[in-house]
C-alpha atoms as a PDB file:
ATOM      1  CA  UNK A   1       0.877 141.309-140.698  1.00  0.00           C
ATOM      2  CA  UNK A   2       2.340 140.735-137.240  1.00  0.00           C
ATOM      3  CA  UNK A   3       0.175 139.222-134.522  1.00  0.00           C
ATOM      4  CA  UNK A   4       1.005 139.858-130.836  1.00  0.00           C
ATOM      5  CA  UNK A   5      -0.339 138.111-127.750  1.00  0.00           C
ATOM      6  CA  UNK A   6       0.397 139.401-124.185  1.00  0.00           C
ATOM      7  CA  UNK A   7       0.142 137.362-120.984  1.00  0.00           C
ATOM      8  CA  UNK A   8       1.239 137.621-117.422  1.00  0.00           C
ATOM      9  CA  UNK A   9      -0.833 140.481-116.167  1.00  0.00           C
ATOM     10  CA  UNK A  10      -2.839 140.335-112.831  1.00  0.00           C
ATOM     11  CA  UNK A  11      -3.297 141.805-109.360  1.00  0.00           C
ATOM     12  CA  UNK A  12      -0.342 142.340-107.177  1.00  0.00           C
ATOM     13  CA  UNK A  13       0.476 144.266-103.967  1.00  0.00           C
ATOM     14  CA  UNK A  14       2.728 147.213-103.993  1.00  0.00           C
ATOM     15  CA  UNK A  15       6.292 146.232-103.882  1.00  0.00           C
ATOM     16  CA  UNK A  16       5.567 142.924-105.744  1.00  0.00           C
ATOM     17  CA  UNK A  17       6.683 141.721-109.109  1.00  0.00           C
ATOM     18  CA  UNK A  18       5.053 140.568-112.377  1.00  0.00           C
ATOM     19  CA  UNK A  19       6.557 139.208-115.568  1.00  0.00           C
ATOM     20  CA  UNK A  20       4.689 140.136-118.819  1.00  0.00           C
ATOM     21  CA  UNK A  21       5.258 138.030-121.954  1.00  0.00           C
ATOM     22  CA  UNK A  22       4.452 138.864-125.542  1.00  0.00           C
ATOM     23  CA  UNK A  23       4.427 136.127-128.203  1.00  0.00           C
ATOM     24  CA  UNK A  24       4.788 137.309-131.816  1.00  0.00           C
ATOM     25  CA  UNK A  25       4.131 135.735-135.134  1.00  0.00           C
ATOM     26  CA  UNK A  26       6.158 136.254-138.330  1.00  0.00           C
ATOM     27  CA  UNK A  27       9.566 134.968-139.333  1.00  0.00           C
ATOM     28  CA  UNK A  28      11.176 138.309-139.218  1.00  0.00           C
ATOM     29  CA  UNK A  29      10.759 138.825-135.409  1.00  0.00           C
ATOM     30  CA  UNK A  30      14.535 139.222-134.932  1.00  0.00           C
ATOM     31  CA  UNK A  31      14.460 142.292-137.040  1.00  0.00           C
ATOM     32  CA  UNK A  32      11.555 143.999-135.230  1.00  0.00           C
ATOM     33  CA  UNK A  33      11.892 146.828-132.768  1.00  0.00           C
ATOM     34  CA  UNK A  34       9.643 145.836-129.863  1.00  0.00           C
ATOM     35  CA  UNK A  35       8.074 147.854-127.154  1.00  0.00           C
ATOM     36  CA  UNK A  36       5.839 147.826-124.149  1.00  0.00           C
ATOM     37  CA  UNK A  37       3.263 150.615-123.679  1.00  0.00           C
ATOM     38  CA  UNK A  38       0.761 151.198-120.978  1.00  0.00           C
ATOM     39  CA  UNK A  39      -2.545 153.047-120.810  1.00  0.00           C
ATOM     40  CA  UNK A  40      -4.077 154.042-117.417  1.00  0.00           C
ATOM     41  CA  UNK A  41      -7.776 155.205-117.247  1.00  0.00           C
ATOM     42  CA  UNK A  42      -8.248 158.668-118.439  1.00  0.00           C
ATOM     43  CA  UNK A  43      -4.549 158.879-119.586  1.00  0.00           C
ATOM     44  CA  UNK A  44      -2.727 158.688-122.948  1.00  0.00           C
ATOM     45  CA  UNK A  45      -0.963 155.539-123.889  1.00  0.00           C
ATOM     46  CA  UNK A  46       2.731 155.887-123.040  1.00  0.00           C
ATOM     47  CA  UNK A  47       5.995 154.065-123.879  1.00  0.00           C
ATOM     48  CA  UNK A  48       7.199 151.949-120.951  1.00  0.00           C
ATOM     49  CA  UNK A  49      10.261 150.252-122.458  1.00  0.00           C
ATOM     50  CA  UNK A  50      11.585 149.356-125.924  1.00  0.00           C
ATOM     51  CA  UNK A  51      14.244 147.055-127.343  1.00  0.00           C
ATOM     52  CA  UNK A  52      15.786 147.177-130.753  1.00  0.00           C
ATOM     53  CA  UNK A  53      16.713 144.331-132.908  1.00  0.00           C
ATOM     54  CA  UNK A  54      20.254 144.549-131.674  1.00  0.00           C
ATOM     55  CA  UNK A  55      19.206 144.434-128.019  1.00  0.00           C
ATOM     56  CA  UNK A  56      19.540 148.199-127.143  1.00  0.00           C
ATOM     57  CA  UNK A  57      16.992 149.253-124.529  1.00  0.00           C
ATOM     58  CA  UNK A  58      15.274 152.330-123.531  1.00  0.00           C
ATOM     59  CA  UNK A  59      12.978 153.014-120.595  1.00  0.00           C
ATOM     60  CA  UNK A  60      10.535 155.721-119.388  1.00  0.00           C
ATOM     61  CA  UNK A  61      12.054 157.544-116.492  1.00  0.00           C
ATOM     62  CA  UNK A  62       9.182 156.326-114.221  1.00  0.00           C
ATOM     63  CA  UNK A  63      10.244 152.771-114.618  1.00  0.00           C
ATOM     64  CA  UNK A  64      14.120 152.924-114.836  1.00  0.00           C
ATOM     65  CA  UNK A  65      15.753 150.662-112.312  1.00  0.00           C
ATOM     66  CA  UNK A  66      12.507 148.621-111.654  1.00  0.00           C
ATOM     67  CA  UNK A  67      11.498 147.301-115.104  1.00  0.00           C
ATOM     68  CA  UNK A  68      13.624 145.238-117.515  1.00  0.00           C
ATOM     69  CA  UNK A  69      12.702 144.497-121.076  1.00  0.00           C
ATOM     70  CA  UNK A  70      14.267 141.510-122.962  1.00  0.00           C
ATOM     71  CA  UNK A  71      13.792 139.410-125.936  1.00  0.00           C
ATOM     72  CA  UNK A  72      14.141 135.835-127.040  1.00  0.00           C
ATOM     73  CA  UNK A  73      14.403 135.746-130.832  1.00  0.00           C
ATOM     74  CA  UNK A  74      14.390 131.914-130.994  1.00  0.00           C
ATOM     75  CA  UNK A  75      11.046 131.892-129.183  1.00  0.00           C
ATOM     76  CA  UNK A  76       9.796 135.046-130.816  1.00  0.00           C
ATOM     77  CA  UNK A  77       8.945 136.535-127.402  1.00  0.00           C
ATOM     78  CA  UNK A  78       9.498 139.825-125.667  1.00  0.00           C
ATOM     79  CA  UNK A  79       9.329 140.096-121.874  1.00  0.00           C
ATOM     80  CA  UNK A  80       8.798 142.808-119.298  1.00  0.00           C
ATOM     81  CA  UNK A  81      10.026 142.042-115.929  1.00  0.00           C
ATOM     82  CA  UNK A  82       8.414 144.466-113.380  1.00  0.00           C
ATOM     83  CA  UNK A  83       9.734 144.711-109.914  1.00  0.00           C
ATOM     84  CA  UNK A  84       9.033 147.078-107.030  1.00  0.00           C
ATOM     85  CA  UNK A  85       5.552 147.723-108.465  1.00  0.00           C
ATOM     86  CA  UNK A  86       3.704 150.853-107.473  1.00  0.00           C
ATOM     87  CA  UNK A  87      -0.046 151.642-107.535  1.00  0.00           C
ATOM     88  CA  UNK A  88       0.750 154.193-110.294  1.00  0.00           C
ATOM     89  CA  UNK A  89       1.841 151.297-112.396  1.00  0.00           C
ATOM     90  CA  UNK A  90      -1.755 150.215-112.735  1.00  0.00           C
ATOM     91  CA  UNK A  91      -2.698 150.184-116.332  1.00  0.00           C
ATOM     92  CA  UNK A  92      -3.403 148.029-119.465  1.00  0.00           C
ATOM     93  CA  UNK A  93       0.031 146.988-120.918  1.00  0.00           C
ATOM     94  CA  UNK A  94       0.386 146.585-124.638  1.00  0.00           C
ATOM     95  CA  UNK A  95       3.033 144.943-126.676  1.00  0.00           C
ATOM     96  CA  UNK A  96       4.072 146.702-129.960  1.00  0.00           C
ATOM     97  CA  UNK A  97       6.029 145.683-132.938  1.00  0.00           C
ATOM     98  CA  UNK A  98       7.647 148.159-135.312  1.00  0.00           C
ATOM     99  CA  UNK A  99       5.594 151.091-133.978  1.00  0.00           C
ATOM    100  CA  UNK A 100       2.840 149.532-136.042  1.00  0.00           C
ATOM    101  CA  UNK A 101       1.329 146.402-134.717  1.00  0.00           C
ATOM    102  CA  UNK A 102      -0.473 145.987-131.318  1.00  0.00           C
ATOM    103  CA  UNK A 103      -1.479 143.251-129.040  1.00  0.00           C
ATOM    104  CA  UNK A 104      -4.911 143.167-127.304  1.00  0.00           C
ATOM    105  CA  UNK A 105      -3.399 144.261-123.974  1.00  0.00           C
ATOM    106  CA  UNK A 106      -3.165 142.756-120.437  1.00  0.00           C
ATOM    107  CA  UNK A 107      -4.329 144.358-117.203  1.00  0.00           C
ATOM    108  CA  UNK A 108      -1.853 145.031-114.434  1.00  0.00           C
ATOM    109  CA  UNK A 109      -3.344 146.257-111.144  1.00  0.00           C
ATOM    110  CA  UNK A 110      -1.189 147.119-108.214  1.00  0.00           C
ATOM    111  CA  UNK A 111      -2.932 147.552-104.831  1.00  0.00           C
ATOM    112  CA  UNK A 112      -1.644 149.761-102.060  1.00  0.00           C
END
């Protein structure tokens, strides 16, 4: 069982930045594929960014060039740096491990 805890969400004006963090349990973190997903009201949950155990990254087209996913295996954390935020980025952001385990989510609200 992997436990995930997100932090760093909040309210920010359009054009601003936020950095989300996800702390993971388990001694095999370095082997996990990690991802950030988001779900806006009335919409399906969607992949925002993913990072493999080897550090390869993938991004949704809507966030390319604005968001950066990274990981710190020693700290067992994964991060999502979000720049140039837009109102359409407003959603609950979830951390995911191995396409199987989920955090409780953190709210990101971008005001226009």
